[in-house]
Structure formats: C-alpha cells, structure tokens
C-alpha atoms as a PDB file:
ATOM      1  CA  UNK A   1     -53.792 -14.545 -11.402  1.00  0.00           C
ATOM      2  CA  UNK A   2     -54.557 -10.851 -11.274  1.00  0.00           C
ATOM      3  CA  UNK A   3     -51.973  -8.572 -12.936  1.00  0.00           C
ATOM      4  CA  UNK A   4     -51.723  -6.370  -9.838  1.00  0.00           C
ATOM      5  CA  UNK A   5     -50.825  -9.365  -7.672  1.00  0.00           C
ATOM      6  CA  UNK A   6     -48.088 -10.480 -10.077  1.00  0.00           C
ATOM      7  CA  UNK A   7     -46.573  -6.999 -10.011  1.00  0.00           C
ATOM      8  CA  UNK A   8     -46.602  -6.911  -6.215  1.00  0.00           C
ATOM      9  CA  UNK A   9     -45.028 -10.365  -6.031  1.00  0.00           C
ATOM     10  CA  UNK A  10     -42.313  -9.377  -8.501  1.00  0.00           C
ATOM     11  CA  UNK A  11     -41.632  -6.085  -6.718  1.00  0.00           C
ATOM     12  CA  UNK A  12     -41.456  -7.869  -3.334  1.00  0.00           C
ATOM     13  CA  UNK A  13     -39.065 -10.476  -4.711  1.00  0.00           C
ATOM     14  CA  UNK A  14     -36.775  -7.880  -6.270  1.00  0.00           C
ATOM     15  CA  UNK A  15     -36.751  -5.849  -3.065  1.00  0.00           C
ATOM     16  CA  UNK A  16     -35.951  -8.865  -0.886  1.00  0.00           C
ATOM     17  CA  UNK A  17     -32.980 -10.006  -2.986  1.00  0.00           C
ATOM     18  CA  UNK A  18     -31.562  -6.579  -3.778  1.00  0.00           C
ATOM     19  CA  UNK A  19     -29.558  -6.142  -0.558  1.00  0.00           C
ATOM     20  CA  UNK A  20     -27.935  -9.582  -0.721  1.00  0.00           C
ATOM     21  CA  UNK A  21     -27.251  -9.176  -4.435  1.00  0.00           C
ATOM     22  CA  UNK A  22     -25.436  -5.892  -3.846  1.00  0.00           C
ATOM     23  CA  UNK A  23     -23.286  -7.382  -1.069  1.00  0.00           C
ATOM     24  CA  UNK A  24     -22.393 -10.495  -3.081  1.00  0.00           C
ATOM     25  CA  UNK A  25     -21.611  -8.387  -6.157  1.00  0.00           C
ATOM     26  CA  UNK A  26     -19.404  -6.132  -4.019  1.00  0.00           C
ATOM     27  CA  UNK A  27     -17.446  -9.056  -2.531  1.00  0.00           C
ATOM     28  CA  UNK A  28     -16.896 -10.700  -5.908  1.00  0.00           C
ATOM     29  CA  UNK A  29     -15.852  -7.361  -7.402  1.00  0.00           C
ATOM     30  CA  UNK A  30     -13.375  -6.804  -4.570  1.00  0.00           C
ATOM     31  CA  UNK A  31     -11.892 -10.297  -5.020  1.00  0.00           C
ATOM     32  CA  UNK A  32     -11.560  -9.847  -8.791  1.00  0.00           C
ATOM     33  CA  UNK A  33      -9.954  -6.414  -8.431  1.00  0.00           C
ATOM     34  CA  UNK A  34      -7.522  -7.760  -5.826  1.00  0.00           C
ATOM     35  CA  UNK A  35      -6.592 -10.654  -8.118  1.00  0.00           C
ATOM     36  CA  UNK A  36      -6.103  -8.523 -11.238  1.00  0.00           C
ATOM     37  CA  UNK A  37      -4.235  -5.747  -9.411  1.00  0.00           C
ATOM     38  CA  UNK A  38      -1.746  -8.235  -7.987  1.00  0.00           C
ATOM     39  CA  UNK A  39      -2.817  -7.658  -4.383  1.00  0.00           C
ATOM     40  CA  UNK A  40      -3.684 -11.323  -3.864  1.00  0.00           C
ATOM     41  CA  UNK A  41      -0.224 -12.331  -5.070  1.00  0.00           C
ATOM     42  CA  UNK A  42       1.480  -9.846  -2.739  1.00  0.00           C
ATOM     43  CA  UNK A  43      -0.559 -11.102   0.232  1.00  0.00           C
ATOM     44  CA  UNK A  44       0.131 -14.726  -0.737  1.00  0.00           C
ATOM     45  CA  UNK A  45       3.866 -14.057  -0.895  1.00  0.00           C
ATOM     46  CA  UNK A  46       3.685 -12.503   2.564  1.00  0.00           C
ATOM     47  CA  UNK A  47       1.784 -15.503   3.928  1.00  0.00           C
ATOM     48  CA  UNK A  48       4.197 -17.921   2.292  1.00  0.00           C
ATOM     49  CA  UNK A  49       7.200 -16.060   3.676  1.00  0.00           C
ATOM     50  CA  UNK A  50       5.731 -15.574   7.133  1.00  0.00           C
ATOM     51  CA  UNK A  51       4.192 -18.995   7.689  1.00  0.00           C
ATOM     52  CA  UNK A  52       6.205 -21.309   5.481  1.00  0.00           C
ATOM     53  CA  UNK A  53       5.730 -24.924   6.494  1.00  0.00           C
ATOM     54  CA  UNK A  54       3.046 -23.951   9.028  1.00  0.00           C
ATOM     55  CA  UNK A  55       0.729 -22.594   6.338  1.00  0.00           C
ATOM     56  CA  UNK A  56      -1.353 -25.789   5.873  1.00  0.00           C
ATOM     57  CA  UNK A  57      -2.164 -25.743   9.588  1.00  0.00           C
ATOM     58  CA  UNK A  58      -3.461 -22.173   9.377  1.00  0.00           C
ATOM     59  CA  UNK A  59      -5.423 -22.497   6.108  1.00  0.00           C
ATOM     60  CA  UNK A  60      -8.642 -23.666   7.857  1.00  0.00           C
ATOM     61  CA  UNK A  61      -8.383 -20.802  10.364  1.00  0.00           C
ATOM     62  CA  UNK A  62      -8.246 -18.314   7.506  1.00  0.00           C
ATOM     63  CA  UNK A  63     -11.365 -19.928   6.056  1.00  0.00           C
ATOM     64  CA  UNK A  64     -13.120 -19.785   9.433  1.00  0.00           C
ATOM     65  CA  UNK A  65     -12.213 -16.120   9.850  1.00  0.00           C
ATOM     66  CA  UNK A  66     -13.612 -15.325   6.406  1.00  0.00           C
ATOM     67  CA  UNK A  67     -16.910 -17.060   7.158  1.00  0.00           C
ATOM     68  CA  UNK A  68     -17.163 -15.406  10.565  1.00  0.00           C
ATOM     69  CA  UNK A  69     -16.672 -12.000   8.912  1.00  0.00           C
ATOM     70  CA  UNK A  70     -18.931 -12.537   5.908  1.00  0.00           C
ATOM     71  CA  UNK A  71     -21.518 -14.953   7.269  1.00  0.00           C
ATOM     72  CA  UNK A  72     -21.065 -17.739   4.741  1.00  0.00           C
ATOM     73  CA  UNK A  73     -18.716 -20.395   3.429  1.00  0.00           C
ATOM     74  CA  UNK A  74     -19.213 -19.220  -0.137  1.00  0.00           C
ATOM     75  CA  UNK A  75     -18.280 -15.652   0.690  1.00  0.00           C
ATOM     76  CA  UNK A  76     -15.222 -16.807   2.618  1.00  0.00           C
ATOM     77  CA  UNK A  77     -14.134 -18.780  -0.428  1.00  0.00           C
ATOM     78  CA  UNK A  78     -14.716 -15.764  -2.673  1.00  0.00           C
ATOM     79  CA  UNK A  79     -12.654 -13.521  -0.398  1.00  0.00           C
ATOM     80  CA  UNK A  80      -9.847 -15.930   0.544  1.00  0.00           C
ATOM     81  CA  UNK A  81      -9.921 -18.792  -2.000  1.00  0.00           C
ATOM     82  CA  UNK A  82      -7.535 -17.195  -4.499  1.00  0.00           C
ATOM     83  CA  UNK A  83      -5.207 -16.157  -1.669  1.00  0.00           C
ATOM     84  CA  UNK A  84      -5.081 -19.698  -0.310  1.00  0.00           C
ATOM     85  CA  UNK A  85      -4.576 -21.133  -3.792  1.00  0.00           C
ATOM     86  CA  UNK A  86      -1.712 -18.788  -4.620  1.00  0.00           C
ATOM     87  CA  UNK A  87      -0.027 -19.369  -1.252  1.00  0.00           C
ATOM     88  CA  UNK A  88      -0.286 -23.145  -1.741  1.00  0.00           C
ATOM     89  CA  UNK A  89       1.264 -22.794  -5.201  1.00  0.00           C
ATOM     90  CA  UNK A  90       4.130 -20.673  -3.892  1.00  0.00           C
ATOM     91  CA  UNK A  91       4.902 -23.198  -1.158  1.00  0.00           C
ATOM     92  CA  UNK A  92       4.391 -26.272  -3.359  1.00  0.00           C
ATOM     93  CA  UNK A  93       1.397 -27.689  -1.490  1.00  0.00           C
ATOM     94  CA  UNK A  94      -1.543 -29.454  -3.094  1.00  0.00           C
ATOM     95  CA  UNK A  95      -4.177 -26.878  -4.047  1.00  0.00           C
ATOM     96  CA  UNK A  96      -6.906 -29.460  -3.413  1.00  0.00           C
ATOM     97  CA  UNK A  97      -5.782 -30.102   0.168  1.00  0.00           C
ATOM     98  CA  UNK A  98      -5.325 -26.430   1.046  1.00  0.00           C
ATOM     99  CA  UNK A  99      -8.639 -25.408  -0.531  1.00  0.00           C
ATOM    100  CA  UNK A 100     -10.375 -28.297   1.233  1.00  0.00           C
ATOM    101  CA  UNK A 101      -8.982 -26.932   4.502  1.00  0.00           C
ATOM    102  CA  UNK A 102     -10.180 -23.428   3.553  1.00  0.00           C
ATOM    103  CA  UNK A 103     -13.689 -24.657   2.782  1.00  0.00           C
ATOM    104  CA  UNK A 104     -13.973 -26.946   5.815  1.00  0.00           C
ATOM    105  CA  UNK A 105     -12.748 -24.176   8.109  1.00  0.00           C
ATOM    106  CA  UNK A 106     -15.175 -21.747   6.486  1.00  0.00           C
ATOM    107  CA  UNK A 107     -18.072 -24.150   6.937  1.00  0.00           C
ATOM    108  CA  UNK A 108     -17.306 -24.430  10.633  1.00  0.00           C
ATOM    109  CA  UNK A 109     -16.658 -20.707  11.079  1.00  0.00           C
ATOM    110  CA  UNK A 110     -19.944 -19.899   9.391  1.00  0.00           C
ATOM    111  CA  UNK A 111     -21.804 -21.345  12.388  1.00  0.00           C
ATOM    112  CA  UNK A 112     -20.323 -18.573  14.533  1.00  0.00           C
ATOM    113  CA  UNK A 113     -21.139 -15.698  12.198  1.00  0.00           C
ATOM    114  CA  UNK A 114     -22.797 -12.966  14.275  1.00  0.00           C
ATOM    115  CA  UNK A 115     -25.827 -12.781  11.973  1.00  0.00           C
ATOM    116  CA  UNK A 116     -26.436 -16.519  12.377  1.00  0.00           C
ATOM    117  CA  UNK A 117     -25.938 -16.405  16.128  1.00  0.00           C
ATOM    118  CA  UNK A 118     -28.496 -13.588  16.427  1.00  0.00           C
ATOM    119  CA  UNK A 119     -31.046 -15.441  14.284  1.00  0.00           C
ATOM    120  CA  UNK A 120     -30.437 -18.722  16.107  1.00  0.00           C
ATOM    121  CA  UNK A 121     -30.675 -17.173  19.561  1.00  0.00           C
ATOM    122  CA  UNK A 122     -33.895 -15.318  18.733  1.00  0.00           C
ATOM    123  CA  UNK A 123     -35.419 -18.430  17.163  1.00  0.00           C
ATOM    124  CA  UNK A 124     -34.594 -20.458  20.271  1.00  0.00           C
ATOM    125  CA  UNK A 125     -36.055 -17.802  22.577  1.00  0.00           C
ATOM    126  CA  UNK A 126     -32.612 -16.742  23.788  1.00  0.00           C
ATOM    127  CA  UNK A 127     -32.626 -13.130  22.599  1.00  0.00           C
ATOM    128  CA  UNK A 128     -30.094 -11.140  24.605  1.00  0.00           C
ATOM    129  CA  UNK A 129     -27.952 -14.235  25.271  1.00  0.00           C
ATOM    130  CA  UNK A 130     -26.017 -14.118  22.022  1.00  0.00           C
ATOM    131  CA  UNK A 131     -22.730 -13.619  23.892  1.00  0.00           C
ATOM    132  CA  UNK A 132     -23.288 -16.821  25.876  1.00  0.00           C
ATOM    133  CA  UNK A 133     -24.126 -18.719  22.697  1.00  0.00           C
ATOM    134  CA  UNK A 134     -21.050 -17.374  20.915  1.00  0.00           C
ATOM    135  CA  UNK A 135     -18.762 -18.293  23.842  1.00  0.00           C
ATOM    136  CA  UNK A 136     -20.026 -21.889  23.792  1.00  0.00           C
ATOM    137  CA  UNK A 137     -19.812 -22.065  20.012  1.00  0.00           C
ATOM    138  CA  UNK A 138     -16.246 -20.771  20.157  1.00  0.00           C
ATOM    139  CA  UNK A 139     -15.110 -23.761  22.210  1.00  0.00           C
ATOM    140  CA  UNK A 140     -16.761 -26.440  20.056  1.00  0.00           C
ATOM    141  CA  UNK A 141     -16.059 -24.755  16.750  1.00  0.00           C
ATOM    142  CA  UNK A 142     -12.481 -23.995  17.767  1.00  0.00           C
ATOM    143  CA  UNK A 143     -11.874 -27.665  18.549  1.00  0.00           C
ATOM    144  CA  UNK A 144     -13.331 -28.736  15.207  1.00  0.00           C
ATOM    145  CA  UNK A 145     -11.284 -26.182  13.258  1.00  0.00           C
ATOM    146  CA  UNK A 146      -8.224 -27.394  15.176  1.00  0.00           C
ATOM    147  CA  UNK A 147      -8.988 -30.961  14.053  1.00  0.00           C
ATOM    148  CA  UNK A 148      -9.363 -29.798  10.437  1.00  0.00           C
ATOM    149  CA  UNK A 149      -6.067 -27.891  10.795  1.00  0.00           C
ATOM    150  CA  UNK A 150      -4.241 -31.012  11.914  1.00  0.00           C
ATOM    151  CA  UNK A 151      -5.787 -33.037   9.089  1.00  0.00           C
ATOM    152  CA  UNK A 152      -4.913 -30.374   6.525  1.00  0.00           C
ATOM    153  CA  UNK A 153      -1.316 -30.274   7.786  1.00  0.00           C
ATOM    154  CA  UNK A 154      -1.048 -34.086   7.667  1.00  0.00           C
ATOM    155  CA  UNK A 155      -2.601 -34.482   4.215  1.00  0.00           C
ATOM    156  CA  UNK A 156      -0.540 -31.627   2.791  1.00  0.00           C
ATOM    157  CA  UNK A 157       2.581 -33.636   3.665  1.00  0.00           C
ATOM    158  CA  UNK A 158       1.261 -36.825   2.042  1.00  0.00           C
ATOM    159  CA  UNK A 159       0.358 -35.343  -1.301  1.00  0.00           C
END
C-alpha cells in the first residue's frame, strides 16, 4: 500500500467518526455529571412521587422518548438508564424489569427517530413524505410500546 493512501484513509476515517464521537462523549458526560451532582436522584424522587405505582407502565415510554430524541437505544439508556434505575429503587421495583422496559421502549422508539425516518424515506424513494411515514410509524410503534408498558407493569408486580 502506498503511504499517501494510508494517510488519506486514516484521515477520512477520523473525520467520519469525529462528529458521532463528540456527540456520544457529550451525552455520556452529561449523564455522569447529572449522576454525580445529584440531579438524577432529584428527578427520580420527583418521578417516584408523581407516578408512584404507575411508574412501571411509563418506564417504556420514557425509553421511547429518549430514543426518539437521541436516535438510538444506547443513547436513550445513557440518558435515562440511571434515572429509571434510581426511580425503581425508590419505589421498590425490580431494576431488571424496569430497565428491560426502558430498553424495549427505547428500541421501539428508535425506529421513529427523525434521522432514521429521513434516511428510510429517502432510501425508499419517499423523500418529502417523512411526515406520512412518521404518522404511520406512530400508530404501530405506539401500540407496541403500549404492549411493552402493560408487560412491564405486570412483571413488576410479579417480581
């Protein structure tokens, strides 16, 4: 391989991952700062107080919202995982069940992330119809998140 080609390949690789690396680093930093500053605990106490016994039902919706906002399940878990865990602990629910609801909801919500809808619509030759796609996704995804919510609520009572 020619040394000039290797340099161009390396420079292209670094440039292509730089933007996503900065955003992931920023989200993780925000989550760590929130945890260490006690903000996650304060929010969890508010959720526990405000939702009480209904919290397990809403855990998947929080996960879906996080994935819709950030574009991925992983990022939703980074942003909201500690919050869900702390709220589950405060209310005495199984961390495994609540975090499973968070992750399942996030996985479903990720399908509706605007960036994914735009890419999917353009790939399918539907550029300009992203609103139609999102409206249809909202119905199907909403029903699936509702199912996960019911399951999370049921399993949180059994554990």
